[in-house]
Amino acid sequence: MTSPPILPSVTEIYSSRDTSRDCPLALAFATLFEPSSALFEFLVPSVITIVADPEKHIPRRTFDALIDIGMRELDDWPHSQQASFIGGHPRIGEVKGLSALSASEQAAHATPPEILARLSELNEEYERRYPGLRYITFVNGRSRKMIMEEMEEKLGIGGGWEKGDSKEIHRLGSEEWVSEVRRALKDIGKIAKSRLVALKVDGDEEAANERPG
């Protein structure tokens, strides 16, 4: 079994001005959000700029605050960049190449091969209907079968649907496509905060040098 990752200390993250892929914030965000080029190239530098600005009032220098800052930055990104960030998360039902946290989140229950095969079809259909997007959901302890049923409901298809059945495609920037981006980003924020719990990290712990006394 792969050991869970260890996050840099919150003090180390807030005090560093390094924006490289190995900087404390990049290491923390890659664990909490999953790594992607968009995360390393855009999110990490923009969040460091904010925490380094003495005029930016951050009431509490905590992991929760870092996630909140990151999510606000993501909300202002162009849609194509948001989609790139979302794509850092693995597909539901993938079993190879997962981070330790993704593996534990998705595989809390044993999954029959027919469910994995169905999820593969549903992922393919979702990505056909929403070009450039990947289906993301806050698993929150649910089985892959339950997520399969959620995906079927999202796609408006039932057990009788077969791969290749035609459905409308929602192009980048359309109302339906943008709505999916917003839903996925919201769930990514939930996933990030749930990972703090899984790592037994106090998301509301203030940096040591910010504590009174």
N, C-alpha and C. Protein backbone atom coordinates (compact mmCIF):
# COMPACT_ATOMS: atom_id res chain seq x y z
N MET A 1 0.85 -1.19 0.00
CA MET A 1 0.00 0.00 0.00
C MET A 1 0.89 1.25 0.00
N THR A 2 0.54 2.23 -0.82
CA THR A 2 1.31 3.46 -0.90
C THR A 2 1.05 4.33 0.32
N SER A 3 2.12 4.85 0.90
CA SER A 3 1.98 5.71 2.08
C SER A 3 1.32 7.03 1.67
N PRO A 4 0.45 7.58 2.53
CA PRO A 4 -0.16 8.87 2.21
C PRO A 4 0.90 9.97 2.16
N PRO A 5 0.69 10.96 1.32
CA PRO A 5 1.67 12.05 1.22
C PRO A 5 1.70 12.90 2.49
N ILE A 6 2.79 13.60 2.67
CA ILE A 6 2.92 14.52 3.81
C ILE A 6 2.97 15.94 3.27
N LEU A 7 2.11 16.79 3.76
CA LEU A 7 2.07 18.17 3.30
C LEU A 7 3.18 18.99 3.96
N PRO A 8 3.72 19.97 3.25
CA PRO A 8 4.62 20.92 3.91
C PRO A 8 3.88 21.64 5.02
N SER A 9 4.60 22.19 5.97
CA SER A 9 3.94 22.90 7.06
C SER A 9 3.29 24.18 6.53
N VAL A 10 2.24 24.60 7.20
CA VAL A 10 1.54 25.80 6.77
C VAL A 10 2.45 27.02 6.89
N THR A 11 3.33 27.04 7.89
CA THR A 11 4.28 28.14 8.04
C THR A 11 5.23 28.19 6.86
N GLU A 12 5.75 27.03 6.45
CA GLU A 12 6.67 26.95 5.32
C GLU A 12 6.00 27.46 4.04
N ILE A 13 4.75 27.10 3.84
CA ILE A 13 4.02 27.50 2.64
C ILE A 13 3.85 29.02 2.59
N TYR A 14 3.40 29.61 3.70
CA TYR A 14 3.11 31.05 3.71
C TYR A 14 4.38 31.90 3.68
N SER A 15 5.49 31.36 4.13
CA SER A 15 6.72 32.16 4.17
C SER A 15 7.53 32.06 2.88
N SER A 16 7.28 31.05 2.06
CA SER A 16 8.06 30.85 0.84
C SER A 16 7.54 31.73 -0.30
N ARG A 17 8.48 32.24 -1.11
CA ARG A 17 8.12 33.01 -2.30
C ARG A 17 8.54 32.27 -3.57
N ASP A 18 8.95 31.05 -3.40
CA ASP A 18 9.34 30.19 -4.52
C ASP A 18 8.08 29.80 -5.30
N THR A 19 8.16 29.85 -6.64
CA THR A 19 7.02 29.47 -7.47
C THR A 19 7.32 28.25 -8.35
N SER A 20 8.41 27.54 -8.05
CA SER A 20 8.78 26.37 -8.85
C SER A 20 7.83 25.21 -8.56
N ARG A 21 7.94 24.16 -9.36
CA ARG A 21 7.09 22.99 -9.17
C ARG A 21 7.42 22.24 -7.89
N ASP A 22 8.56 22.53 -7.29
CA ASP A 22 8.95 21.87 -6.04
C ASP A 22 8.78 22.77 -4.82
N CYS A 23 8.16 23.92 -5.00
CA CYS A 23 7.99 24.84 -3.87
C CYS A 23 6.94 24.28 -2.92
N PRO A 24 6.93 24.74 -1.67
CA PRO A 24 5.98 24.20 -0.69
C PRO A 24 4.52 24.29 -1.13
N LEU A 25 4.11 25.42 -1.71
CA LEU A 25 2.72 25.55 -2.12
C LEU A 25 2.39 24.59 -3.27
N ALA A 26 3.31 24.46 -4.23
CA ALA A 26 3.08 23.54 -5.35
C ALA A 26 2.93 22.11 -4.85
N LEU A 27 3.77 21.71 -3.90
CA LEU A 27 3.68 20.36 -3.35
C LEU A 27 2.35 20.14 -2.64
N ALA A 28 1.91 21.15 -1.88
CA ALA A 28 0.64 21.03 -1.17
C ALA A 28 -0.54 21.01 -2.14
N PHE A 29 -0.54 21.93 -3.10
CA PHE A 29 -1.66 22.00 -4.04
C PHE A 29 -1.72 20.77 -4.95
N ALA A 30 -0.56 20.23 -5.33
CA ALA A 30 -0.56 19.03 -6.17
C ALA A 30 -1.18 17.85 -5.43
N THR A 31 -1.04 17.84 -4.11
CA THR A 31 -1.65 16.80 -3.29
C THR A 31 -3.14 17.05 -3.09
N LEU A 32 -3.50 18.28 -2.81
CA LEU A 32 -4.90 18.59 -2.50
C LEU A 32 -5.78 18.70 -3.74
N PHE A 33 -5.20 19.20 -4.85
CA PHE A 33 -5.97 19.43 -6.07
C PHE A 33 -5.65 18.46 -7.21
N GLU A 34 -4.57 17.69 -7.10
CA GLU A 34 -4.00 16.86 -8.17
C GLU A 34 -3.14 17.74 -9.09
N PRO A 35 -1.99 17.22 -9.52
CA PRO A 35 -1.08 18.02 -10.35
C PRO A 35 -1.60 18.23 -11.77
N SER A 36 -1.30 19.39 -12.32
CA SER A 36 -1.62 19.70 -13.72
C SER A 36 -0.75 20.86 -14.14
N SER A 37 -0.55 21.03 -15.43
CA SER A 37 0.25 22.16 -15.91
C SER A 37 -0.40 23.48 -15.51
N ALA A 38 -1.73 23.53 -15.53
CA ALA A 38 -2.43 24.76 -15.15
C ALA A 38 -2.18 25.10 -13.70
N LEU A 39 -2.13 24.08 -12.85
CA LEU A 39 -1.86 24.32 -11.43
C LEU A 39 -0.47 24.91 -11.24
N PHE A 40 0.54 24.29 -11.86
CA PHE A 40 1.91 24.73 -11.67
C PHE A 40 2.20 26.08 -12.34
N GLU A 41 1.65 26.29 -13.52
CA GLU A 41 1.98 27.48 -14.29
C GLU A 41 1.17 28.71 -13.92
N PHE A 42 -0.04 28.51 -13.43
CA PHE A 42 -0.91 29.66 -13.18
C PHE A 42 -1.39 29.77 -11.73
N LEU A 43 -1.90 28.66 -11.17
CA LEU A 43 -2.51 28.77 -9.84
C LEU A 43 -1.48 29.04 -8.75
N VAL A 44 -0.39 28.28 -8.75
CA VAL A 44 0.62 28.46 -7.70
C VAL A 44 1.19 29.88 -7.71
N PRO A 45 1.64 30.41 -8.86
CA PRO A 45 2.18 31.78 -8.85
C PRO A 45 1.16 32.83 -8.42
N SER A 46 -0.09 32.67 -8.84
CA SER A 46 -1.09 33.68 -8.50
C SER A 46 -1.41 33.66 -7.01
N VAL A 47 -1.47 32.48 -6.40
CA VAL A 47 -1.75 32.39 -4.97
C VAL A 47 -0.57 32.91 -4.16
N ILE A 48 0.65 32.61 -4.59
CA ILE A 48 1.83 33.13 -3.89
C ILE A 48 1.86 34.66 -3.95
N THR A 49 1.49 35.22 -5.08
CA THR A 49 1.43 36.68 -5.20
C THR A 49 0.47 37.27 -4.18
N ILE A 50 -0.65 36.60 -3.97
CA ILE A 50 -1.65 37.09 -3.02
C ILE A 50 -1.13 37.00 -1.59
N VAL A 51 -0.59 35.84 -1.20
CA VAL A 51 -0.16 35.68 0.19
C VAL A 51 1.08 36.52 0.50
N ALA A 52 1.83 36.90 -0.55
CA ALA A 52 3.03 37.71 -0.33
C ALA A 52 2.73 39.20 -0.29
N ASP A 53 1.53 39.59 -0.68
CA ASP A 53 1.16 41.00 -0.74
C ASP A 53 0.74 41.49 0.65
N PRO A 54 1.50 42.39 1.26
CA PRO A 54 1.15 42.86 2.61
C PRO A 54 -0.18 43.60 2.67
N GLU A 55 -0.66 44.06 1.52
CA GLU A 55 -1.93 44.77 1.49
C GLU A 55 -3.13 43.84 1.39
N LYS A 56 -2.86 42.56 1.09
CA LYS A 56 -3.94 41.57 1.05
C LYS A 56 -4.19 41.07 2.47
N HIS A 57 -5.38 41.32 2.97
CA HIS A 57 -5.69 40.93 4.35
C HIS A 57 -6.17 39.48 4.36
N ILE A 58 -5.36 38.60 4.92
CA ILE A 58 -5.74 37.20 5.08
C ILE A 58 -5.95 36.98 6.58
N PRO A 59 -7.21 36.94 7.02
CA PRO A 59 -7.49 36.89 8.47
C PRO A 59 -6.77 35.75 9.20
N ARG A 60 -6.74 34.57 8.58
CA ARG A 60 -6.10 33.42 9.21
C ARG A 60 -5.25 32.70 8.17
N ARG A 61 -3.98 32.52 8.47
CA ARG A 61 -3.07 31.86 7.52
C ARG A 61 -3.13 30.35 7.77
N THR A 62 -4.06 29.72 7.08
CA THR A 62 -4.36 28.31 7.30
C THR A 62 -4.41 27.56 5.97
N PHE A 63 -4.47 26.23 6.05
CA PHE A 63 -4.67 25.42 4.84
C PHE A 63 -6.03 25.71 4.22
N ASP A 64 -7.06 25.82 5.05
CA ASP A 64 -8.39 26.14 4.53
C ASP A 64 -8.38 27.45 3.76
N ALA A 65 -7.67 28.44 4.29
CA ALA A 65 -7.60 29.74 3.62
C ALA A 65 -6.88 29.61 2.27
N LEU A 66 -5.83 28.80 2.22
CA LEU A 66 -5.12 28.58 0.95
C LEU A 66 -6.03 27.98 -0.09
N ILE A 67 -6.82 26.98 0.30
CA ILE A 67 -7.76 26.36 -0.63
C ILE A 67 -8.79 27.38 -1.10
N ASP A 68 -9.31 28.20 -0.17
CA ASP A 68 -10.31 29.21 -0.53
C ASP A 68 -9.73 30.23 -1.50
N ILE A 69 -8.49 30.66 -1.26
CA ILE A 69 -7.84 31.61 -2.16
C ILE A 69 -7.68 30.98 -3.55
N GLY A 70 -7.23 29.74 -3.56
CA GLY A 70 -7.07 29.04 -4.83
C GLY A 70 -8.37 28.92 -5.60
N MET A 71 -9.45 28.60 -4.91
CA MET A 71 -10.74 28.45 -5.58
C MET A 71 -11.24 29.78 -6.13
N ARG A 72 -11.00 30.87 -5.40
CA ARG A 72 -11.41 32.19 -5.92
C ARG A 72 -10.62 32.55 -7.18
N GLU A 73 -9.33 32.21 -7.18
CA GLU A 73 -8.52 32.45 -8.38
C GLU A 73 -9.05 31.64 -9.55
N LEU A 74 -9.37 30.39 -9.31
CA LEU A 74 -9.88 29.52 -10.37
C LEU A 74 -11.17 30.06 -10.97
N ASP A 75 -12.01 30.65 -10.15
CA ASP A 75 -13.29 31.19 -10.64
C ASP A 75 -13.09 32.27 -11.69
N ASP A 76 -11.96 32.96 -11.67
CA ASP A 76 -11.71 34.07 -12.60
C ASP A 76 -10.96 33.64 -13.85
N TRP A 77 -10.59 32.39 -13.94
CA TRP A 77 -9.82 31.93 -15.10
C TRP A 77 -10.69 31.83 -16.34
N PRO A 78 -10.07 31.89 -17.53
CA PRO A 78 -10.81 31.58 -18.76
C PRO A 78 -11.30 30.12 -18.71
N HIS A 79 -12.40 29.85 -19.39
CA HIS A 79 -12.98 28.51 -19.33
C HIS A 79 -12.02 27.42 -19.79
N SER A 80 -11.25 27.71 -20.84
CA SER A 80 -10.33 26.69 -21.35
C SER A 80 -9.27 26.34 -20.32
N GLN A 81 -8.84 27.32 -19.56
CA GLN A 81 -7.84 27.10 -18.52
C GLN A 81 -8.43 26.33 -17.35
N GLN A 82 -9.69 26.64 -17.02
CA GLN A 82 -10.39 25.89 -15.97
C GLN A 82 -10.51 24.42 -16.37
N ALA A 83 -10.82 24.18 -17.64
CA ALA A 83 -10.95 22.79 -18.12
C ALA A 83 -9.63 22.05 -18.00
N SER A 84 -8.53 22.74 -18.28
CA SER A 84 -7.21 22.12 -18.15
C SER A 84 -6.93 21.74 -16.71
N PHE A 85 -7.30 22.60 -15.79
CA PHE A 85 -7.12 22.32 -14.36
C PHE A 85 -7.97 21.12 -13.94
N ILE A 86 -9.22 21.09 -14.37
CA ILE A 86 -10.12 19.98 -14.04
C ILE A 86 -9.55 18.67 -14.54
N GLY A 87 -8.90 18.70 -15.71
CA GLY A 87 -8.35 17.49 -16.30
C GLY A 87 -7.20 16.89 -15.52
N GLY A 88 -6.71 17.59 -14.51
CA GLY A 88 -5.67 17.02 -13.65
C GLY A 88 -6.19 15.88 -12.79
N HIS A 89 -7.51 15.86 -12.55
CA HIS A 89 -8.10 14.79 -11.76
C HIS A 89 -8.29 13.55 -12.62
N PRO A 90 -8.12 12.37 -12.05
CA PRO A 90 -8.32 11.13 -12.83
C PRO A 90 -9.79 10.91 -13.14
N ARG A 91 -10.03 10.13 -14.17
CA ARG A 91 -11.40 9.75 -14.51
C ARG A 91 -11.96 8.81 -13.44
N ILE A 92 -13.24 8.90 -13.20
CA ILE A 92 -13.90 7.97 -12.29
C ILE A 92 -13.75 6.56 -12.84
N GLY A 93 -13.28 5.65 -12.00
CA GLY A 93 -13.14 4.26 -12.42
C GLY A 93 -11.75 3.89 -12.89
N GLU A 94 -10.87 4.87 -13.07
CA GLU A 94 -9.50 4.55 -13.44
C GLU A 94 -8.83 3.79 -12.30
N VAL A 95 -7.97 2.85 -12.64
CA VAL A 95 -7.31 2.05 -11.61
C VAL A 95 -5.80 2.13 -11.69
N LYS A 96 -5.27 2.77 -12.73
CA LYS A 96 -3.83 2.88 -12.89
C LYS A 96 -3.40 4.34 -12.86
N GLY A 97 -2.20 4.58 -12.35
CA GLY A 97 -1.64 5.92 -12.37
C GLY A 97 -2.31 6.89 -11.42
N LEU A 98 -3.02 6.38 -10.42
CA LEU A 98 -3.71 7.25 -9.47
C LEU A 98 -2.77 7.69 -8.35
N SER A 99 -2.99 8.90 -7.85
CA SER A 99 -2.30 9.31 -6.63
C SER A 99 -2.83 8.48 -5.48
N ALA A 100 -2.08 8.45 -4.38
CA ALA A 100 -2.50 7.66 -3.22
C ALA A 100 -3.88 8.09 -2.73
N LEU A 101 -4.13 9.40 -2.73
CA LEU A 101 -5.42 9.89 -2.24
C LEU A 101 -6.56 9.57 -3.21
N SER A 102 -6.32 9.73 -4.50
CA SER A 102 -7.36 9.39 -5.49
C SER A 102 -7.70 7.91 -5.41
N ALA A 103 -6.68 7.08 -5.25
CA ALA A 103 -6.92 5.64 -5.17
C ALA A 103 -7.78 5.30 -3.96
N SER A 104 -7.47 5.90 -2.83
CA SER A 104 -8.25 5.61 -1.62
C SER A 104 -9.66 6.16 -1.72
N GLU A 105 -9.84 7.31 -2.38
CA GLU A 105 -11.16 7.91 -2.52
C GLU A 105 -12.05 7.08 -3.43
N GLN A 106 -11.48 6.58 -4.53
CA GLN A 106 -12.28 5.86 -5.51
C GLN A 106 -12.47 4.39 -5.16
N ALA A 107 -11.57 3.82 -4.39
CA ALA A 107 -11.59 2.38 -4.18
C ALA A 107 -11.93 1.99 -2.76
N ALA A 108 -12.79 2.78 -2.12
CA ALA A 108 -13.21 2.44 -0.76
C ALA A 108 -14.03 1.14 -0.76
N HIS A 109 -14.60 0.80 -1.91
CA HIS A 109 -15.38 -0.43 -2.04
C HIS A 109 -14.85 -1.22 -3.24
N ALA A 110 -14.87 -2.55 -3.14
CA ALA A 110 -14.45 -3.39 -4.27
C ALA A 110 -15.39 -3.14 -5.44
N THR A 111 -14.83 -3.07 -6.65
CA THR A 111 -15.63 -2.73 -7.83
C THR A 111 -15.62 -3.88 -8.82
N PRO A 112 -16.80 -4.43 -9.15
CA PRO A 112 -16.87 -5.49 -10.15
C PRO A 112 -16.40 -4.99 -11.50
N PRO A 113 -15.80 -5.86 -12.32
CA PRO A 113 -15.28 -5.43 -13.63
C PRO A 113 -16.34 -4.85 -14.54
N GLU A 114 -17.59 -5.33 -14.44
CA GLU A 114 -18.64 -4.77 -15.31
C GLU A 114 -18.96 -3.32 -14.96
N ILE A 115 -18.78 -2.95 -13.70
CA ILE A 115 -18.99 -1.55 -13.30
C ILE A 115 -17.86 -0.68 -13.86
N LEU A 116 -16.64 -1.18 -13.79
CA LEU A 116 -15.51 -0.44 -14.35
C LEU A 116 -15.67 -0.25 -15.86
N ALA A 117 -16.17 -1.30 -16.53
CA ALA A 117 -16.38 -1.20 -17.98
C ALA A 117 -17.45 -0.17 -18.30
N ARG A 118 -18.50 -0.17 -17.50
CA ARG A 118 -19.59 0.80 -17.71
C ARG A 118 -19.08 2.23 -17.46
N LEU A 119 -18.30 2.41 -16.42
CA LEU A 119 -17.75 3.74 -16.13
C LEU A 119 -16.87 4.23 -17.27
N SER A 120 -16.12 3.34 -17.87
CA SER A 120 -15.28 3.71 -19.00
C SER A 120 -16.15 4.24 -20.16
N GLU A 121 -17.26 3.55 -20.42
CA GLU A 121 -18.18 4.00 -21.47
C GLU A 121 -18.80 5.35 -21.12
N LEU A 122 -19.18 5.51 -19.86
CA LEU A 122 -19.81 6.76 -19.43
C LEU A 122 -18.83 7.92 -19.49
N ASN A 123 -17.58 7.68 -19.09
CA ASN A 123 -16.57 8.73 -19.21
C ASN A 123 -16.40 9.16 -20.66
N GLU A 124 -16.34 8.19 -21.54
CA GLU A 124 -16.17 8.48 -22.96
C GLU A 124 -17.36 9.29 -23.50
N GLU A 125 -18.56 8.91 -23.08
CA GLU A 125 -19.76 9.63 -23.54
C GLU A 125 -19.80 11.04 -22.97
N TYR A 126 -19.46 11.18 -21.70
CA TYR A 126 -19.45 12.51 -21.08
C TYR A 126 -18.47 13.41 -21.81
N GLU A 127 -17.28 12.91 -22.08
CA GLU A 127 -16.26 13.72 -22.74
C GLU A 127 -16.60 14.01 -24.20
N ARG A 128 -17.43 13.18 -24.79
CA ARG A 128 -17.92 13.47 -26.14
C ARG A 128 -18.94 14.60 -26.10
N ARG A 129 -19.80 14.58 -25.09
CA ARG A 129 -20.86 15.59 -24.98
C ARG A 129 -20.34 16.92 -24.46
N TYR A 130 -19.30 16.86 -23.64
CA TYR A 130 -18.70 18.08 -23.08
C TYR A 130 -17.23 18.12 -23.49
N PRO A 131 -16.95 18.51 -24.72
CA PRO A 131 -15.57 18.47 -25.23
C PRO A 131 -14.61 19.26 -24.35
N GLY A 132 -13.48 18.63 -24.02
CA GLY A 132 -12.47 19.30 -23.21
C GLY A 132 -12.66 19.13 -21.72
N LEU A 133 -13.76 18.51 -21.29
CA LEU A 133 -14.02 18.33 -19.87
C LEU A 133 -13.87 16.87 -19.47
N ARG A 134 -13.73 16.67 -18.18
CA ARG A 134 -13.65 15.33 -17.58
C ARG A 134 -14.64 15.31 -16.42
N TYR A 135 -15.38 14.21 -16.29
CA TYR A 135 -16.39 14.16 -15.22
C TYR A 135 -15.71 14.05 -13.86
N ILE A 136 -15.98 15.03 -13.02
CA ILE A 136 -15.45 15.09 -11.66
C ILE A 136 -16.61 15.14 -10.68
N THR A 137 -16.51 14.39 -9.60
CA THR A 137 -17.52 14.45 -8.56
C THR A 137 -16.86 14.19 -7.21
N PHE A 138 -17.43 14.75 -6.17
CA PHE A 138 -16.94 14.52 -4.81
C PHE A 138 -17.46 13.15 -4.39
N VAL A 139 -16.59 12.16 -4.40
CA VAL A 139 -17.00 10.78 -4.14
C VAL A 139 -17.53 10.63 -2.72
N ASN A 140 -16.81 11.17 -1.75
CA ASN A 140 -17.28 11.22 -0.36
C ASN A 140 -17.69 9.85 0.17
N GLY A 141 -16.86 8.83 -0.10
CA GLY A 141 -17.11 7.50 0.46
C GLY A 141 -18.08 6.64 -0.33
N ARG A 142 -18.65 7.16 -1.42
CA ARG A 142 -19.60 6.38 -2.20
C ARG A 142 -18.89 5.34 -3.06
N SER A 143 -19.60 4.28 -3.39
CA SER A 143 -19.04 3.24 -4.25
C SER A 143 -19.03 3.71 -5.70
N ARG A 144 -18.21 3.03 -6.52
CA ARG A 144 -18.19 3.36 -7.95
C ARG A 144 -19.53 3.06 -8.61
N LYS A 145 -20.26 2.08 -8.11
CA LYS A 145 -21.60 1.80 -8.64
C LYS A 145 -22.52 3.00 -8.43
N MET A 146 -22.43 3.62 -7.26
CA MET A 146 -23.25 4.80 -6.99
C MET A 146 -22.85 5.95 -7.90
N ILE A 147 -21.56 6.09 -8.15
CA ILE A 147 -21.10 7.14 -9.05
C ILE A 147 -21.55 6.84 -10.48
N MET A 148 -21.53 5.57 -10.86
CA MET A 148 -22.02 5.17 -12.18
C MET A 148 -23.47 5.62 -12.36
N GLU A 149 -24.29 5.38 -11.34
CA GLU A 149 -25.70 5.78 -11.42
C GLU A 149 -25.84 7.30 -11.48
N GLU A 150 -24.98 8.01 -10.77
CA GLU A 150 -24.98 9.47 -10.83
C GLU A 150 -24.64 9.94 -12.24
N MET A 151 -23.64 9.32 -12.86
CA MET A 151 -23.24 9.70 -14.21
C MET A 151 -24.36 9.41 -15.21
N GLU A 152 -25.01 8.28 -15.05
CA GLU A 152 -26.13 7.95 -15.95
C GLU A 152 -27.24 8.98 -15.84
N GLU A 153 -27.51 9.41 -14.60
CA GLU A 153 -28.53 10.44 -14.40
C GLU A 153 -28.10 11.76 -15.03
N LYS A 154 -26.83 12.13 -14.84
CA LYS A 154 -26.30 13.37 -15.42
C LYS A 154 -26.44 13.36 -16.94
N LEU A 155 -26.16 12.20 -17.54
CA LEU A 155 -26.20 12.08 -19.00
C LEU A 155 -27.59 11.77 -19.53
N GLY A 156 -28.53 11.53 -18.61
CA GLY A 156 -29.90 11.25 -19.04
C GLY A 156 -30.04 9.94 -19.76
N ILE A 157 -29.27 8.93 -19.32
CA ILE A 157 -29.32 7.63 -19.96
C ILE A 157 -29.53 6.56 -18.91
N GLY A 158 -30.10 5.44 -19.33
CA GLY A 158 -30.36 4.34 -18.41
C GLY A 158 -29.61 3.09 -18.81
N GLY A 159 -30.02 1.99 -18.22
CA GLY A 159 -29.33 0.73 -18.46
C GLY A 159 -29.42 0.25 -19.90
N GLY A 160 -30.45 0.72 -20.64
CA GLY A 160 -30.61 0.27 -22.02
C GLY A 160 -29.76 1.04 -23.02
N TRP A 161 -29.07 2.10 -22.53
CA TRP A 161 -28.23 2.89 -23.43
C TRP A 161 -27.01 2.11 -23.86
N GLU A 162 -26.65 2.27 -25.12
CA GLU A 162 -25.46 1.63 -25.62
C GLU A 162 -24.52 2.67 -26.21
N LYS A 163 -23.25 2.39 -26.12
CA LYS A 163 -22.24 3.27 -26.66
C LYS A 163 -22.53 3.56 -28.13
N GLY A 164 -22.51 4.84 -28.48
CA GLY A 164 -22.78 5.22 -29.86
C GLY A 164 -24.14 5.85 -30.06
N ASP A 165 -25.05 5.67 -29.06
CA ASP A 165 -26.35 6.35 -29.15
C ASP A 165 -26.11 7.85 -29.16
N SER A 166 -26.72 8.55 -30.10
CA SER A 166 -26.43 9.97 -30.29
C SER A 166 -27.16 10.83 -29.27
N LYS A 167 -26.45 11.81 -28.77
CA LYS A 167 -27.00 12.82 -27.88
C LYS A 167 -26.36 14.16 -28.23
N GLU A 168 -26.99 15.24 -27.76
CA GLU A 168 -26.50 16.58 -28.09
C GLU A 168 -25.11 16.82 -27.50
N ILE A 169 -24.28 17.54 -28.27
CA ILE A 169 -22.96 17.93 -27.80
C ILE A 169 -23.01 19.38 -27.32
N HIS A 170 -22.47 19.62 -26.12
CA HIS A 170 -22.45 20.97 -25.55
C HIS A 170 -21.07 21.57 -25.76
N ARG A 171 -21.01 22.53 -26.63
CA ARG A 171 -19.73 23.11 -27.03
C ARG A 171 -19.14 23.99 -25.94
N LEU A 172 -17.81 24.17 -26.00
CA LEU A 172 -17.10 25.03 -25.06
C LEU A 172 -17.73 26.41 -25.03
N GLY A 173 -18.06 26.87 -23.83
CA GLY A 173 -18.64 28.19 -23.67
C GLY A 173 -20.15 28.21 -23.65
N SER A 174 -20.79 27.08 -24.02
CA SER A 174 -22.25 27.03 -23.98
C SER A 174 -22.72 27.04 -22.52
N GLU A 175 -23.97 27.35 -22.31
CA GLU A 175 -24.50 27.43 -20.95
C GLU A 175 -24.35 26.10 -20.22
N GLU A 176 -24.63 25.00 -20.90
CA GLU A 176 -24.54 23.68 -20.28
C GLU A 176 -23.09 23.33 -19.95
N TRP A 177 -22.18 23.68 -20.87
CA TRP A 177 -20.76 23.38 -20.67
C TRP A 177 -20.20 24.17 -19.49
N VAL A 178 -20.53 25.45 -19.43
CA VAL A 178 -20.05 26.30 -18.33
C VAL A 178 -20.62 25.84 -17.00
N SER A 179 -21.87 25.39 -17.01
CA SER A 179 -22.49 24.89 -15.78
C SER A 179 -21.74 23.67 -15.26
N GLU A 180 -21.27 22.81 -16.15
CA GLU A 180 -20.49 21.64 -15.74
C GLU A 180 -19.13 22.05 -15.18
N VAL A 181 -18.52 23.06 -15.78
CA VAL A 181 -17.24 23.55 -15.26
C VAL A 181 -17.42 24.03 -13.82
N ARG A 182 -18.45 24.82 -13.59
CA ARG A 182 -18.69 25.35 -12.25
C ARG A 182 -18.96 24.24 -11.25
N ARG A 183 -19.75 23.24 -11.66
CA ARG A 183 -20.05 22.13 -10.76
C ARG A 183 -18.77 21.36 -10.43
N ALA A 184 -17.96 21.09 -11.45
CA ALA A 184 -16.72 20.34 -11.23
C ALA A 184 -15.77 21.10 -10.31
N LEU A 185 -15.62 22.40 -10.52
CA LEU A 185 -14.72 23.19 -9.67
C LEU A 185 -15.21 23.20 -8.23
N LYS A 186 -16.51 23.31 -8.05
CA LYS A 186 -17.06 23.29 -6.69
C LYS A 186 -16.73 21.96 -5.99
N ASP A 187 -16.87 20.86 -6.72
CA ASP A 187 -16.57 19.56 -6.14
C ASP A 187 -15.07 19.39 -5.89
N ILE A 188 -14.24 19.97 -6.75
CA ILE A 188 -12.79 19.91 -6.52
C ILE A 188 -12.43 20.61 -5.21
N GLY A 189 -13.10 21.71 -4.92
CA GLY A 189 -12.88 22.39 -3.64
C GLY A 189 -13.26 21.51 -2.46
N LYS A 190 -14.37 20.78 -2.60
CA LYS A 190 -14.79 19.86 -1.54
C LYS A 190 -13.79 18.72 -1.37
N ILE A 191 -13.30 18.21 -2.51
CA ILE A 191 -12.31 17.13 -2.46
C ILE A 191 -11.06 17.60 -1.73
N ALA A 192 -10.59 18.81 -2.06
CA ALA A 192 -9.37 19.33 -1.44
C ALA A 192 -9.52 19.42 0.07
N LYS A 193 -10.64 19.91 0.54
CA LYS A 193 -10.82 20.04 1.99
C LYS A 193 -11.00 18.68 2.66
N SER A 194 -11.62 17.74 1.94
CA SER A 194 -11.77 16.40 2.52
C SER A 194 -10.41 15.71 2.62
N ARG A 195 -9.49 16.06 1.73
CA ARG A 195 -8.15 15.46 1.78
C ARG A 195 -7.38 15.93 3.00
N LEU A 196 -7.63 17.14 3.45
CA LEU A 196 -7.00 17.59 4.70
C LEU A 196 -7.41 16.68 5.84
N VAL A 197 -8.67 16.29 5.85
CA VAL A 197 -9.17 15.40 6.90
C VAL A 197 -8.51 14.03 6.77
N ALA A 198 -8.43 13.53 5.51
CA ALA A 198 -7.83 12.21 5.29
C ALA A 198 -6.37 12.18 5.70
N LEU A 199 -5.69 13.32 5.55
CA LEU A 199 -4.28 13.42 5.91
C LEU A 199 -4.08 13.78 7.38
N LYS A 200 -5.22 13.92 8.08
CA LYS A 200 -5.19 14.29 9.50
C LYS A 200 -4.48 15.63 9.71
N VAL A 201 -4.77 16.54 8.78
CA VAL A 201 -4.23 17.90 8.85
C VAL A 201 -5.35 18.83 9.30
N ASP A 202 -5.04 19.68 10.27
CA ASP A 202 -6.02 20.66 10.73
C ASP A 202 -6.05 21.81 9.73
N GLY A 203 -7.07 21.83 8.89
CA GLY A 203 -7.16 22.87 7.87
C GLY A 203 -7.28 24.26 8.43
N ASP A 204 -7.68 24.36 9.70
CA ASP A 204 -7.87 25.68 10.31
C ASP A 204 -6.71 26.06 11.23
N GLU A 205 -5.62 25.28 11.16
CA GLU A 205 -4.46 25.58 12.01
C GLU A 205 -3.70 26.79 11.48
N GLU A 206 -3.49 27.76 12.33
CA GLU A 206 -2.76 28.95 11.92
C GLU A 206 -1.26 28.68 11.87
N ALA A 207 -0.60 29.43 11.02
CA ALA A 207 0.87 29.33 10.94
C ALA A 207 1.47 29.63 12.30
N ALA A 208 2.52 28.91 12.64
CA ALA A 208 3.11 29.04 13.99
C ALA A 208 3.51 30.47 14.30
N ASN A 209 4.02 31.16 13.29
CA ASN A 209 4.48 32.53 13.57
C ASN A 209 3.33 33.53 13.60
N GLU A 210 2.10 33.04 13.41
CA GLU A 210 0.94 33.92 13.50
C GLU A 210 0.20 33.74 14.82
N ARG A 211 0.57 32.73 15.56
CA ARG A 211 -0.16 32.46 16.80
C ARG A 211 0.27 33.43 17.89
N PRO A 212 -0.67 33.90 18.71
CA PRO A 212 -0.30 34.79 19.79
C PRO A 212 0.55 34.08 20.82
N GLY A 213 1.41 34.80 21.46
CA GLY A 213 2.20 34.25 22.55
C GLY A 213 3.41 33.50 22.04
